Amino acid sequence: MAQARIFADFADAAADGCLRLSARATADDVRRLGVQLRPGLVLALSDGQRMALAQVIDCEACGARHARLLSEPAALELR
């Protein structure tokens, strides 16, 4: 079974180096998959060309959810 992927813009890093989870496509995927973004949750993030694992964290300074990369984005093998 394939792992569900959530969109992330790998170029949209916050000042703390984490990825912002505020893109519209990210919100659409989260809603469609019924995911609750909570600190500690590990996600498979993808921009359509690359994929990486990341862990959701709270960013109290920004009042938003960010994800800290657990792996470098790797190219997806398209079939």
C-alpha atoms as a PDB file:
ATOM      1  CA  MET A   1       0.000   0.000   0.000  1.00  0.00           C
ATOM      2  CA  ALA A   2       1.374   3.415  -0.968  1.00  0.00           C
ATOM      3  CA  GLN A   3       1.913   5.995   1.760  1.00  0.00           C
ATOM      4  CA  ALA A   4      -0.264   9.092   1.499  1.00  0.00           C
ATOM      5  CA  ARG A   5       1.732  12.204   0.640  1.00  0.00           C
ATOM      6  CA  ILE A   6       0.992  15.758   1.632  1.00  0.00           C
ATOM      7  CA  PHE A   7       2.090  18.652  -0.560  1.00  0.00           C
ATOM      8  CA  ALA A   8       4.921  20.838   0.712  1.00  0.00           C
ATOM      9  CA  ASP A   9       6.895  23.592  -0.955  1.00  0.00           C
ATOM     10  CA  PHE A  10      10.501  22.656  -0.134  1.00  0.00           C
ATOM     11  CA  ALA A  11      11.600  26.195  -1.020  1.00  0.00           C
ATOM     12  CA  ASP A  12       9.261  27.749   1.598  1.00  0.00           C
ATOM     13  CA  ALA A  13      11.413  27.421   4.699  1.00  0.00           C
ATOM     14  CA  ALA A  14      10.788  29.478   7.830  1.00  0.00           C
ATOM     15  CA  ALA A  15      13.525  31.352   9.697  1.00  0.00           C
ATOM     16  CA  ASP A  16      14.053  28.289  11.923  1.00  0.00           C
ATOM     17  CA  GLY A  17      14.808  26.157   8.841  1.00  0.00           C
ATOM     18  CA  CYS A  18      11.563  24.212   9.023  1.00  0.00           C
ATOM     19  CA  LEU A  19       9.031  23.967   6.213  1.00  0.00           C
ATOM     20  CA  ARG A  20       5.842  25.966   6.512  1.00  0.00           C
ATOM     21  CA  LEU A  21       2.658  23.892   6.266  1.00  0.00           C
ATOM     22  CA  SER A  22       0.544  26.831   5.128  1.00  0.00           C
ATOM     23  CA  ALA A  23       0.323  26.364   1.346  1.00  0.00           C
ATOM     24  CA  ARG A  24      -3.192  25.978  -0.023  1.00  0.00           C
ATOM     25  CA  ALA A  25      -2.303  22.622  -1.608  1.00  0.00           C
ATOM     26  CA  THR A  26      -1.011  21.451   1.804  1.00  0.00           C
ATOM     27  CA  ALA A  27      -4.276  22.461   3.495  1.00  0.00           C
ATOM     28  CA  ASP A  28      -6.263  20.726   0.738  1.00  0.00           C
ATOM     29  CA  ASP A  29      -4.296  17.471   1.192  1.00  0.00           C
ATOM     30  CA  VAL A  30      -4.596  17.602   4.998  1.00  0.00           C
ATOM     31  CA  ARG A  31      -8.357  18.102   4.736  1.00  0.00           C
ATOM     32  CA  ARG A  32      -8.795  15.436   2.036  1.00  0.00           C
ATOM     33  CA  LEU A  33      -6.817  12.866   4.040  1.00  0.00           C
ATOM     34  CA  GLY A  34      -8.435  13.787   7.369  1.00  0.00           C
ATOM     35  CA  VAL A  35      -5.050  14.422   8.998  1.00  0.00           C
ATOM     36  CA  GLN A  36      -4.807  16.407  12.230  1.00  0.00           C
ATOM     37  CA  LEU A  37      -1.532  18.338  12.299  1.00  0.00           C
ATOM     38  CA  ARG A  38      -0.196  17.879  15.803  1.00  0.00           C
ATOM     39  CA  PRO A  39       3.332  18.125  17.192  1.00  0.00           C
ATOM     40  CA  GLY A  40       5.248  14.888  16.765  1.00  0.00           C
ATOM     41  CA  LEU A  41       3.254  13.603  13.782  1.00  0.00           C
ATOM     42  CA  VAL A  42       5.523  12.258  11.020  1.00  0.00           C
ATOM     43  CA  LEU A  43       4.421  13.041   7.460  1.00  0.00           C
ATOM     44  CA  ALA A  44       5.523  12.118   3.961  1.00  0.00           C
ATOM     45  CA  LEU A  45       5.812  15.480   2.191  1.00  0.00           C
ATOM     46  CA  SER A  46       6.097  15.901  -1.561  1.00  0.00           C
ATOM     47  CA  ASP A  47       6.222  18.701  -4.112  1.00  0.00           C
ATOM     48  CA  GLY A  48       5.397  16.287  -6.929  1.00  0.00           C
ATOM     49  CA  GLN A  49       9.031  15.765  -7.892  1.00  0.00           C
ATOM     50  CA  ARG A  50      10.677  15.041  -4.548  1.00  0.00           C
ATOM     51  CA  MET A  51       9.611  13.460  -1.271  1.00  0.00           C
ATOM     52  CA  ALA A  52      10.903  13.700   2.309  1.00  0.00           C
ATOM     53  CA  LEU A  53       9.831  12.626   5.770  1.00  0.00           C
ATOM     54  CA  ALA A  54       9.177  15.419   8.244  1.00  0.00           C
ATOM     55  CA  GLN A  55       7.884  15.829  11.791  1.00  0.00           C
ATOM     56  CA  VAL A  56       5.259  18.429  12.664  1.00  0.00           C
ATOM     57  CA  ILE A  57       6.322  20.985  15.275  1.00  0.00           C
ATOM     58  CA  ASP A  58       4.689  24.048  16.794  1.00  0.00           C
ATOM     59  CA  CYS A  59       6.269  27.383  16.003  1.00  0.00           C
ATOM     60  CA  GLU A  60       5.097  29.553  18.868  1.00  0.00           C
ATOM     61  CA  ALA A  61       6.920  32.616  17.558  1.00  0.00           C
ATOM     62  CA  CYS A  62       4.917  32.472  14.315  1.00  0.00           C
ATOM     63  CA  GLY A  63       1.729  30.895  15.658  1.00  0.00           C
ATOM     64  CA  ALA A  64       1.847  28.308  12.873  1.00  0.00           C
ATOM     65  CA  ARG A  65       2.625  24.674  12.206  1.00  0.00           C
ATOM     66  CA  HIS A  66       5.937  23.822  10.647  1.00  0.00           C
ATOM     67  CA  ALA A  67       7.624  20.531   9.819  1.00  0.00           C
ATOM     68  CA  ARG A  68      11.238  19.689  10.573  1.00  0.00           C
ATOM     69  CA  LEU A  69      12.773  17.537   7.850  1.00  0.00           C
ATOM     70  CA  LEU A  70      13.844  14.076   8.999  1.00  0.00           C
ATOM     71  CA  SER A  71      15.380  13.247   5.617  1.00  0.00           C
ATOM     72  CA  GLU A  72      16.650  15.179   2.635  1.00  0.00           C
ATOM     73  CA  PRO A  73      14.140  15.468  -0.217  1.00  0.00           C
ATOM     74  CA  ALA A  74      14.758  12.636  -2.678  1.00  0.00           C
ATOM     75  CA  ALA A  75      13.629  12.444  -6.300  1.00  0.00           C
ATOM     76  CA  LEU A  76      10.453  10.462  -6.860  1.00  0.00           C
ATOM     77  CA  GLU A  77      10.639   7.598  -9.291  1.00  0.00           C
ATOM     78  CA  LEU A  78       7.831   8.224 -11.759  1.00  0.00           C
ATOM     79  CA  ARG A  79       6.323   5.222 -13.523  1.00  0.00           C
END
